[in-house]
Amino acid sequence: MTDRSAVSTIRGYFYQFDHSILSILDLVEAKESVSIECIEDIDVRTATDTTAVQCKYYEKTEYNHSVIKPAIIFMLSHFKEGLTDGQA
């Protein structure tokens, strides 16, 4: 029989909710804002930038560097391109 428990899903919502609150509390200027479920799970808008945050809670996932390697390589390549283009 399939386990249809929503406990992990609810914990994920709490995790995203908590992260959203922390993002709001980290705002510096009155004109800055946090939007929920727009471009990504949490979007932080400042006067000069928008940061889109994908916020996930993986209760039953163990850290495995070989699983996250492709995402880290992509992130570092994108950062390097920004440095080369003078955007970072």
PDB file of N, CA and C in Angstrom:
ATOM      1  N   MET A   1       0.826  -1.173   0.000  1.00  0.00           N
ATOM      2  CA  MET A   1       0.000   0.000   0.000  1.00  0.00           C
ATOM      3  C   MET A   1       0.883   1.255   0.000  1.00  0.00           C
ATOM      4  N   THR A   2       0.506   2.273  -0.725  1.00  0.00           N
ATOM      5  CA  THR A   2       1.271   3.507  -0.852  1.00  0.00           C
ATOM      6  C   THR A   2       1.039   4.418   0.348  1.00  0.00           C
ATOM      7  N   ASP A   3       2.146   4.980   0.855  1.00  0.00           N
ATOM      8  CA  ASP A   3       2.043   5.940   1.945  1.00  0.00           C
ATOM      9  C   ASP A   3       1.624   7.287   1.366  1.00  0.00           C
ATOM     10  N   ARG A   4       0.468   7.764   1.739  1.00  0.00           N
ATOM     11  CA  ARG A   4      -0.049   9.028   1.228  1.00  0.00           C
ATOM     12  C   ARG A   4       0.046  10.140   2.268  1.00  0.00           C
ATOM     13  N   SER A   5       0.943   9.968   3.225  1.00  0.00           N
ATOM     14  CA  SER A   5       1.132  10.962   4.276  1.00  0.00           C
ATOM     15  C   SER A   5       1.666  12.266   3.674  1.00  0.00           C
ATOM     16  N   ALA A   6       1.145  13.369   4.153  1.00  0.00           N
ATOM     17  CA  ALA A   6       1.560  14.681   3.654  1.00  0.00           C
ATOM     18  C   ALA A   6       2.507  15.387   4.615  1.00  0.00           C
ATOM     19  N   VAL A   7       3.060  14.656   5.574  1.00  0.00           N
ATOM     20  CA  VAL A   7       3.911  15.273   6.583  1.00  0.00           C
ATOM     21  C   VAL A   7       5.113  15.969   5.941  1.00  0.00           C
ATOM     22  N   SER A   8       5.803  15.315   5.029  1.00  0.00           N
ATOM     23  CA  SER A   8       6.969  15.929   4.379  1.00  0.00           C
ATOM     24  C   SER A   8       6.566  17.156   3.573  1.00  0.00           C
ATOM     25  N   THR A   9       5.442  17.100   2.905  1.00  0.00           N
ATOM     26  CA  THR A   9       4.950  18.233   2.125  1.00  0.00           C
ATOM     27  C   THR A   9       4.649  19.421   3.029  1.00  0.00           C
ATOM     28  N   ILE A  10       4.005  19.170   4.135  1.00  0.00           N
ATOM     29  CA  ILE A  10       3.678  20.243   5.078  1.00  0.00           C
ATOM     30  C   ILE A  10       4.956  20.830   5.671  1.00  0.00           C
ATOM     31  N   ARG A  11       5.922  19.984   5.995  1.00  0.00           N
ATOM     32  CA  ARG A  11       7.205  20.489   6.497  1.00  0.00           C
ATOM     33  C   ARG A  11       7.888  21.361   5.441  1.00  0.00           C
ATOM     34  N   GLY A  12       7.747  20.982   4.182  1.00  0.00           N
ATOM     35  CA  GLY A  12       8.294  21.786   3.091  1.00  0.00           C
ATOM     36  C   GLY A  12       7.659  23.160   3.025  1.00  0.00           C
ATOM     37  N   TYR A  13       6.337  23.232   3.223  1.00  0.00           N
ATOM     38  CA  TYR A  13       5.651  24.522   3.249  1.00  0.00           C
ATOM     39  C   TYR A  13       6.138  25.363   4.420  1.00  0.00           C
ATOM     40  N   PHE A  14       6.304  24.743   5.583  1.00  0.00           N
ATOM     41  CA  PHE A  14       6.824  25.469   6.748  1.00  0.00           C
ATOM     42  C   PHE A  14       8.243  25.977   6.481  1.00  0.00           C
ATOM     43  N   TYR A  15       9.057  25.160   5.832  1.00  0.00           N
ATOM     44  CA  TYR A  15      10.430  25.549   5.504  1.00  0.00           C
ATOM     45  C   TYR A  15      10.424  26.772   4.595  1.00  0.00           C
ATOM     46  N   GLN A  16       9.581  26.737   3.550  1.00  0.00           N
ATOM     47  CA  GLN A  16       9.485  27.863   2.628  1.00  0.00           C
ATOM     48  C   GLN A  16       8.927  29.095   3.348  1.00  0.00           C
ATOM     49  N   PHE A  17       7.950  28.911   4.199  1.00  0.00           N
ATOM     50  CA  PHE A  17       7.359  29.994   4.962  1.00  0.00           C
ATOM     51  C   PHE A  17       8.418  30.647   5.857  1.00  0.00           C
ATOM     52  N   ASP A  18       9.184  29.834   6.574  1.00  0.00           N
ATOM     53  CA  ASP A  18      10.234  30.352   7.445  1.00  0.00           C
ATOM     54  C   ASP A  18      11.303  31.101   6.650  1.00  0.00           C
ATOM     55  N   HIS A  19      11.690  30.529   5.510  1.00  0.00           N
ATOM     56  CA  HIS A  19      12.698  31.184   4.675  1.00  0.00           C
ATOM     57  C   HIS A  19      12.172  32.524   4.144  1.00  0.00           C
ATOM     58  N   SER A  20      10.895  32.581   3.817  1.00  0.00           N
ATOM     59  CA  SER A  20      10.274  33.824   3.343  1.00  0.00           C
ATOM     60  C   SER A  20      10.316  34.889   4.431  1.00  0.00           C
ATOM     61  N   ILE A  21       9.985  34.506   5.648  1.00  0.00           N
ATOM     62  CA  ILE A  21      10.009  35.452   6.766  1.00  0.00           C
ATOM     63  C   ILE A  21      11.425  35.978   6.995  1.00  0.00           C
ATOM     64  N   LEU A  22      12.410  35.079   6.966  1.00  0.00           N
ATOM     65  CA  LEU A  22      13.799  35.519   7.140  1.00  0.00           C
ATOM     66  C   LEU A  22      14.224  36.472   6.020  1.00  0.00           C
ATOM     67  N   SER A  23      13.768  36.209   4.800  1.00  0.00           N
ATOM     68  CA  SER A  23      14.090  37.096   3.679  1.00  0.00           C
ATOM     69  C   SER A  23      13.480  38.478   3.890  1.00  0.00           C
ATOM     70  N   ILE A  24      12.260  38.521   4.398  1.00  0.00           N
ATOM     71  CA  ILE A  24      11.605  39.807   4.677  1.00  0.00           C
ATOM     72  C   ILE A  24      12.366  40.556   5.767  1.00  0.00           C
ATOM     73  N   LEU A  25      12.752  39.850   6.808  1.00  0.00           N
ATOM     74  CA  LEU A  25      13.477  40.486   7.910  1.00  0.00           C
ATOM     75  C   LEU A  25      14.861  40.978   7.489  1.00  0.00           C
ATOM     76  N   ASP A  26      15.429  40.390   6.435  1.00  0.00           N
ATOM     77  CA  ASP A  26      16.747  40.795   5.946  1.00  0.00           C
ATOM     78  C   ASP A  26      16.706  42.019   5.033  1.00  0.00           C
ATOM     79  N   LEU A  27      15.515  42.470   4.651  1.00  0.00           N
ATOM     80  CA  LEU A  27      15.411  43.643   3.775  1.00  0.00           C
ATOM     81  C   LEU A  27      16.000  44.858   4.478  1.00  0.00           C
ATOM     82  N   VAL A  28      16.676  45.704   3.703  1.00  0.00           N
ATOM     83  CA  VAL A  28      17.364  46.859   4.274  1.00  0.00           C
ATOM     84  C   VAL A  28      16.564  48.144   4.051  1.00  0.00           C
ATOM     85  N   GLU A  29      16.069  48.339   2.853  1.00  0.00           N
ATOM     86  CA  GLU A  29      15.362  49.571   2.483  1.00  0.00           C
ATOM     87  C   GLU A  29      13.853  49.332   2.424  1.00  0.00           C
ATOM     88  N   ALA A  30      13.088  50.394   2.646  1.00  0.00           N
ATOM     89  CA  ALA A  30      11.621  50.299   2.609  1.00  0.00           C
ATOM     90  C   ALA A  30      11.099  49.943   1.214  1.00  0.00           C
ATOM     91  N   LYS A  31      11.858  50.279   0.172  1.00  0.00           N
ATOM     92  CA  LYS A  31      11.422  50.005  -1.205  1.00  0.00           C
ATOM     93  C   LYS A  31      11.711  48.575  -1.647  1.00  0.00           C
ATOM     94  N   GLU A  32      12.481  47.832  -0.873  1.00  0.00           N
ATOM     95  CA  GLU A  32      12.777  46.440  -1.204  1.00  0.00           C
ATOM     96  C   GLU A  32      11.558  45.579  -0.889  1.00  0.00           C
ATOM     97  N   SER A  33      11.437  44.454  -1.593  1.00  0.00           N
ATOM     98  CA  SER A  33      10.263  43.601  -1.367  1.00  0.00           C
ATOM     99  C   SER A  33      10.601  42.128  -1.560  1.00  0.00           C
ATOM    100  N   VAL A  34       9.728  41.300  -1.018  1.00  0.00           N
ATOM    101  CA  VAL A  34       9.803  39.858  -1.196  1.00  0.00           C
ATOM    102  C   VAL A  34       8.481  39.405  -1.788  1.00  0.00           C
ATOM    103  N   SER A  35       8.553  38.668  -2.882  1.00  0.00           N
ATOM    104  CA  SER A  35       7.354  38.109  -3.505  1.00  0.00           C
ATOM    105  C   SER A  35       7.414  36.593  -3.399  1.00  0.00           C
ATOM    106  N   ILE A  36       6.277  35.998  -3.130  1.00  0.00           N
ATOM    107  CA  ILE A  36       6.201  34.551  -2.957  1.00  0.00           C
ATOM    108  C   ILE A  36       5.548  33.928  -4.187  1.00  0.00           C
ATOM    109  N   GLU A  37       6.145  32.837  -4.689  1.00  0.00           N
ATOM    110  CA  GLU A  37       5.628  32.071  -5.824  1.00  0.00           C
ATOM    111  C   GLU A  37       5.453  32.925  -7.080  1.00  0.00           C
ATOM    112  N   CYS A  38       6.511  33.634  -7.457  1.00  0.00           N
ATOM    113  CA  CYS A  38       6.483  34.407  -8.705  1.00  0.00           C
ATOM    114  C   CYS A  38       7.417  33.751  -9.717  1.00  0.00           C
ATOM    115  N   ILE A  39       8.596  34.328  -9.924  1.00  0.00           N
ATOM    116  CA  ILE A  39       9.560  33.699 -10.823  1.00  0.00           C
ATOM    117  C   ILE A  39       9.966  32.345 -10.246  1.00  0.00           C
ATOM    118  N   GLU A  40      10.300  32.349  -8.969  1.00  0.00           N
ATOM    119  CA  GLU A  40      10.638  31.128  -8.236  1.00  0.00           C
ATOM    120  C   GLU A  40       9.830  31.124  -6.948  1.00  0.00           C
ATOM    121  N   ASP A  41      10.234  30.299  -5.996  1.00  0.00           N
ATOM    122  CA  ASP A  41       9.500  30.215  -4.738  1.00  0.00           C
ATOM    123  C   ASP A  41       9.500  31.547  -3.994  1.00  0.00           C
ATOM    124  N   ILE A  42      10.664  32.196  -3.943  1.00  0.00           N
ATOM    125  CA  ILE A  42      10.810  33.479  -3.261  1.00  0.00           C
ATOM    126  C   ILE A  42      11.617  34.400  -4.164  1.00  0.00           C
ATOM    127  N   ASP A  43      11.098  35.595  -4.428  1.00  0.00           N
ATOM    128  CA  ASP A  43      11.810  36.599  -5.216  1.00  0.00           C
ATOM    129  C   ASP A  43      12.083  37.804  -4.330  1.00  0.00           C
ATOM    130  N   VAL A  44      13.358  38.162  -4.205  1.00  0.00           N
ATOM    131  CA  VAL A  44      13.743  39.321  -3.398  1.00  0.00           C
ATOM    132  C   VAL A  44      14.114  40.439  -4.363  1.00  0.00           C
ATOM    133  N   ARG A  45      13.380  41.553  -4.278  1.00  0.00           N
ATOM    134  CA  ARG A  45      13.614  42.688  -5.173  1.00  0.00           C
ATOM    135  C   ARG A  45      14.217  43.848  -4.391  1.00  0.00           C
ATOM    136  N   THR A  46      15.358  44.327  -4.904  1.00  0.00           N
ATOM    137  CA  THR A  46      15.982  45.521  -4.353  1.00  0.00           C
ATOM    138  C   THR A  46      15.914  46.598  -5.425  1.00  0.00           C
ATOM    139  N   ALA A  47      16.512  47.753  -5.148  1.00  0.00           N
ATOM    140  CA  ALA A  47      16.483  48.850  -6.119  1.00  0.00           C
ATOM    141  C   ALA A  47      17.202  48.484  -7.412  1.00  0.00           C
ATOM    142  N   THR A  48      18.181  47.600  -7.317  1.00  0.00           N
ATOM    143  CA  THR A  48      19.007  47.301  -8.493  1.00  0.00           C
ATOM    144  C   THR A  48      18.963  45.851  -8.951  1.00  0.00           C
ATOM    145  N   ASP A  49      18.279  44.977  -8.209  1.00  0.00           N
ATOM    146  CA  ASP A  49      18.418  43.557  -8.504  1.00  0.00           C
ATOM    147  C   ASP A  49      17.172  42.774  -8.093  1.00  0.00           C
ATOM    148  N   THR A  50      16.948  41.663  -8.755  1.00  0.00           N
ATOM    149  CA  THR A  50      15.947  40.684  -8.333  1.00  0.00           C
ATOM    150  C   THR A  50      16.652  39.348  -8.175  1.00  0.00           C
ATOM    151  N   THR A  51      16.498  38.745  -7.009  1.00  0.00           N
ATOM    152  CA  THR A  51      17.094  37.444  -6.737  1.00  0.00           C
ATOM    153  C   THR A  51      15.969  36.426  -6.623  1.00  0.00           C
ATOM    154  N   ALA A  52      15.971  35.443  -7.502  1.00  0.00           N
ATOM    155  CA  ALA A  52      14.963  34.383  -7.486  1.00  0.00           C
ATOM    156  C   ALA A  52      15.527  33.188  -6.723  1.00  0.00           C
ATOM    157  N   VAL A  53      14.805  32.749  -5.688  1.00  0.00           N
ATOM    158  CA  VAL A  53      15.283  31.680  -4.814  1.00  0.00           C
ATOM    159  C   VAL A  53      14.380  30.461  -4.952  1.00  0.00           C
ATOM    160  N   GLN A  54      14.949  29.336  -5.288  1.00  0.00           N
ATOM    161  CA  GLN A  54      14.241  28.060  -5.303  1.00  0.00           C
ATOM    162  C   GLN A  54      14.462  27.433  -3.930  1.00  0.00           C
ATOM    163  N   CYS A  55      13.402  27.274  -3.184  1.00  0.00           N
ATOM    164  CA  CYS A  55      13.483  26.853  -1.786  1.00  0.00           C
ATOM    165  C   CYS A  55      12.848  25.472  -1.647  1.00  0.00           C
ATOM    166  N   LYS A  56      13.672  24.464  -1.409  1.00  0.00           N
ATOM    167  CA  LYS A  56      13.167  23.093  -1.307  1.00  0.00           C
ATOM    168  C   LYS A  56      13.595  22.453   0.001  1.00  0.00           C
ATOM    169  N   TYR A  57      12.726  21.606   0.495  1.00  0.00           N
ATOM    170  CA  TYR A  57      12.988  20.858   1.723  1.00  0.00           C
ATOM    171  C   TYR A  57      13.029  19.382   1.356  1.00  0.00           C
ATOM    172  N   TYR A  58      14.180  18.757   1.521  1.00  0.00           N
ATOM    173  CA  TYR A  58      14.339  17.348   1.194  1.00  0.00           C
ATOM    174  C   TYR A  58      14.608  16.568   2.471  1.00  0.00           C
ATOM    175  N   GLU A  59      13.547  16.126   3.114  1.00  0.00           N
ATOM    176  CA  GLU A  59      13.674  15.446   4.394  1.00  0.00           C
ATOM    177  C   GLU A  59      14.402  14.107   4.277  1.00  0.00           C
ATOM    178  N   LYS A  60      14.113  13.374   3.235  1.00  0.00           N
ATOM    179  CA  LYS A  60      14.637  12.011   3.141  1.00  0.00           C
ATOM    180  C   LYS A  60      15.803  11.885   2.176  1.00  0.00           C
ATOM    181  N   THR A  61      16.407  13.007   1.807  1.00  0.00           N
ATOM    182  CA  THR A  61      17.511  12.995   0.872  1.00  0.00           C
ATOM    183  C   THR A  61      18.823  13.192   1.618  1.00  0.00           C
ATOM    184  N   GLU A  62      19.767  12.324   1.365  1.00  0.00           N
ATOM    185  CA  GLU A  62      21.095  12.467   1.950  1.00  0.00           C
ATOM    186  C   GLU A  62      21.972  13.273   1.001  1.00  0.00           C
ATOM    187  N   TYR A  63      22.897  14.028   1.576  1.00  0.00           N
ATOM    188  CA  TYR A  63      23.833  14.797   0.770  1.00  0.00           C
ATOM    189  C   TYR A  63      24.719  13.845  -0.026  1.00  0.00           C
ATOM    190  N   ASN A  64      24.840  14.125  -1.307  1.00  0.00           N
ATOM    191  CA  ASN A  64      25.693  13.341  -2.183  1.00  0.00           C
ATOM    192  C   ASN A  64      26.288  14.315  -3.191  1.00  0.00           C
ATOM    193  N   HIS A  65      27.585  14.595  -3.070  1.00  0.00           N
ATOM    194  CA  HIS A  65      28.197  15.616  -3.914  1.00  0.00           C
ATOM    195  C   HIS A  65      28.125  15.281  -5.403  1.00  0.00           C
ATOM    196  N   SER A  66      28.116  14.015  -5.766  1.00  0.00           N
ATOM    197  CA  SER A  66      28.046  13.683  -7.187  1.00  0.00           C
ATOM    198  C   SER A  66      26.660  13.983  -7.764  1.00  0.00           C
ATOM    199  N   VAL A  67      25.636  14.034  -6.929  1.00  0.00           N
ATOM    200  CA  VAL A  67      24.285  14.358  -7.400  1.00  0.00           C
ATOM    201  C   VAL A  67      24.156  15.851  -7.672  1.00  0.00           C
ATOM    202  N   ILE A  68      24.764  16.684  -6.819  1.00  0.00           N
ATOM    203  CA  ILE A  68      24.624  18.127  -6.994  1.00  0.00           C
ATOM    204  C   ILE A  68      25.702  18.730  -7.891  1.00  0.00           C
ATOM    205  N   LYS A  69      26.694  17.930  -8.284  1.00  0.00           N
ATOM    206  CA  LYS A  69      27.806  18.440  -9.088  1.00  0.00           C
ATOM    207  C   LYS A  69      27.359  19.176 -10.348  1.00  0.00           C
ATOM    208  N   PRO A  70      26.442  18.628 -11.167  1.00  0.00           N
ATOM    209  CA  PRO A  70      26.055  19.355 -12.382  1.00  0.00           C
ATOM    210  C   PRO A  70      25.481  20.755 -12.090  1.00  0.00           C
ATOM    211  N   ALA A  71      24.677  20.866 -11.050  1.00  0.00           N
ATOM    212  CA  ALA A  71      24.094  22.168 -10.715  1.00  0.00           C
ATOM    213  C   ALA A  71      25.170  23.142 -10.242  1.00  0.00           C
ATOM    214  N   ILE A  72      26.135  22.660  -9.467  1.00  0.00           N
ATOM    215  CA  ILE A  72      27.213  23.516  -8.976  1.00  0.00           C
ATOM    216  C   ILE A  72      28.101  23.964 -10.133  1.00  0.00           C
ATOM    217  N   ILE A  73      28.407  23.063 -11.048  1.00  0.00           N
ATOM    218  CA  ILE A  73      29.222  23.412 -12.226  1.00  0.00           C
ATOM    219  C   ILE A  73      28.512  24.486 -13.042  1.00  0.00           C
ATOM    220  N   PHE A  74      27.196  24.316 -13.263  1.00  0.00           N
ATOM    221  CA  PHE A  74      26.424  25.301 -14.018  1.00  0.00           C
ATOM    222  C   PHE A  74      26.458  26.658 -13.307  1.00  0.00           C
ATOM    223  N   MET A  75      26.266  26.666 -11.987  1.00  0.00           N
ATOM    224  CA  MET A  75      26.268  27.902 -11.212  1.00  0.00           C
ATOM    225  C   MET A  75      27.622  28.604 -11.318  1.00  0.00           C
ATOM    226  N   LEU A  76      28.711  27.855 -11.176  1.00  0.00           N
ATOM    227  CA  LEU A  76      30.041  28.451 -11.257  1.00  0.00           C
ATOM    228  C   LEU A  76      30.353  28.959 -12.664  1.00  0.00           C
ATOM    229  N   SER A  77      29.928  28.230 -13.678  1.00  0.00           N
ATOM    230  CA  SER A  77      30.130  28.676 -15.067  1.00  0.00           C
ATOM    231  C   SER A  77      29.377  29.976 -15.325  1.00  0.00           C
ATOM    232  N   HIS A  78      28.151  30.044 -14.843  1.00  0.00           N
ATOM    233  CA  HIS A  78      27.338  31.253 -15.009  1.00  0.00           C
ATOM    234  C   HIS A  78      27.995  32.434 -14.278  1.00  0.00           C
ATOM    235  N   PHE A  79      28.491  32.199 -13.081  1.00  0.00           N
ATOM    236  CA  PHE A  79      29.175  33.248 -12.319  1.00  0.00           C
ATOM    237  C   PHE A  79      30.417  33.731 -13.063  1.00  0.00           C
ATOM    238  N   LYS A  80      31.196  32.790 -13.613  1.00  0.00           N
ATOM    239  CA  LYS A  80      32.413  33.150 -14.348  1.00  0.00           C
ATOM    240  C   LYS A  80      32.073  33.986 -15.575  1.00  0.00           C
ATOM    241  N   GLU A  81      30.997  33.596 -16.284  1.00  0.00           N
ATOM    242  CA  GLU A  81      30.576  34.372 -17.449  1.00  0.00           C
ATOM    243  C   GLU A  81      30.228  35.801 -17.047  1.00  0.00           C
ATOM    244  N   GLY A  82      29.569  35.947 -15.901  1.00  0.00           N
ATOM    245  CA  GLY A  82      29.233  37.283 -15.401  1.00  0.00           C
ATOM    246  C   GLY A  82      30.477  38.093 -15.096  1.00  0.00           C
ATOM    247  N   LEU A  83      31.499  37.446 -14.539  1.00  0.00           N
ATOM    248  CA  LEU A  83      32.765  38.139 -14.262  1.00  0.00           C
ATOM    249  C   LEU A  83      33.434  38.580 -15.548  1.00  0.00           C
ATOM    250  N   THR A  84      33.432  37.690 -16.534  1.00  0.00           N
ATOM    251  CA  THR A  84      34.066  37.973 -17.818  1.00  0.00           C
ATOM    252  C   THR A  84      33.342  39.104 -18.545  1.00  0.00           C
ATOM    253  N   ASP A  85      32.014  39.139 -18.418  1.00  0.00           N
ATOM    254  CA  ASP A  85      31.206  40.175 -19.060  1.00  0.00           C
ATOM    255  C   ASP A  85      31.127  41.458 -18.235  1.00  0.00           C
ATOM    256  N   GLY A  86      31.728  41.443 -17.041  1.00  0.00           N
ATOM    257  CA  GLY A  86      31.698  42.616 -16.172  1.00  0.00           C
ATOM    258  C   GLY A  86      30.372  42.799 -15.444  1.00  0.00           C
ATOM    259  N   GLN A  87      29.592  41.728 -15.280  1.00  0.00           N
ATOM    260  CA  GLN A  87      28.280  41.823 -14.631  1.00  0.00           C
ATOM    261  C   GLN A  87      28.298  41.384 -13.183  1.00  0.00           C
ATOM    262  N   ALA A  88      29.369  40.850 -12.691  1.00  0.00           N
ATOM    263  CA  ALA A  88      29.386  40.369 -11.298  1.00  0.00           C
ATOM    264  C   ALA A  88      30.243  41.241 -10.433  1.00  0.00           C
TER     265      ALA A  88
END
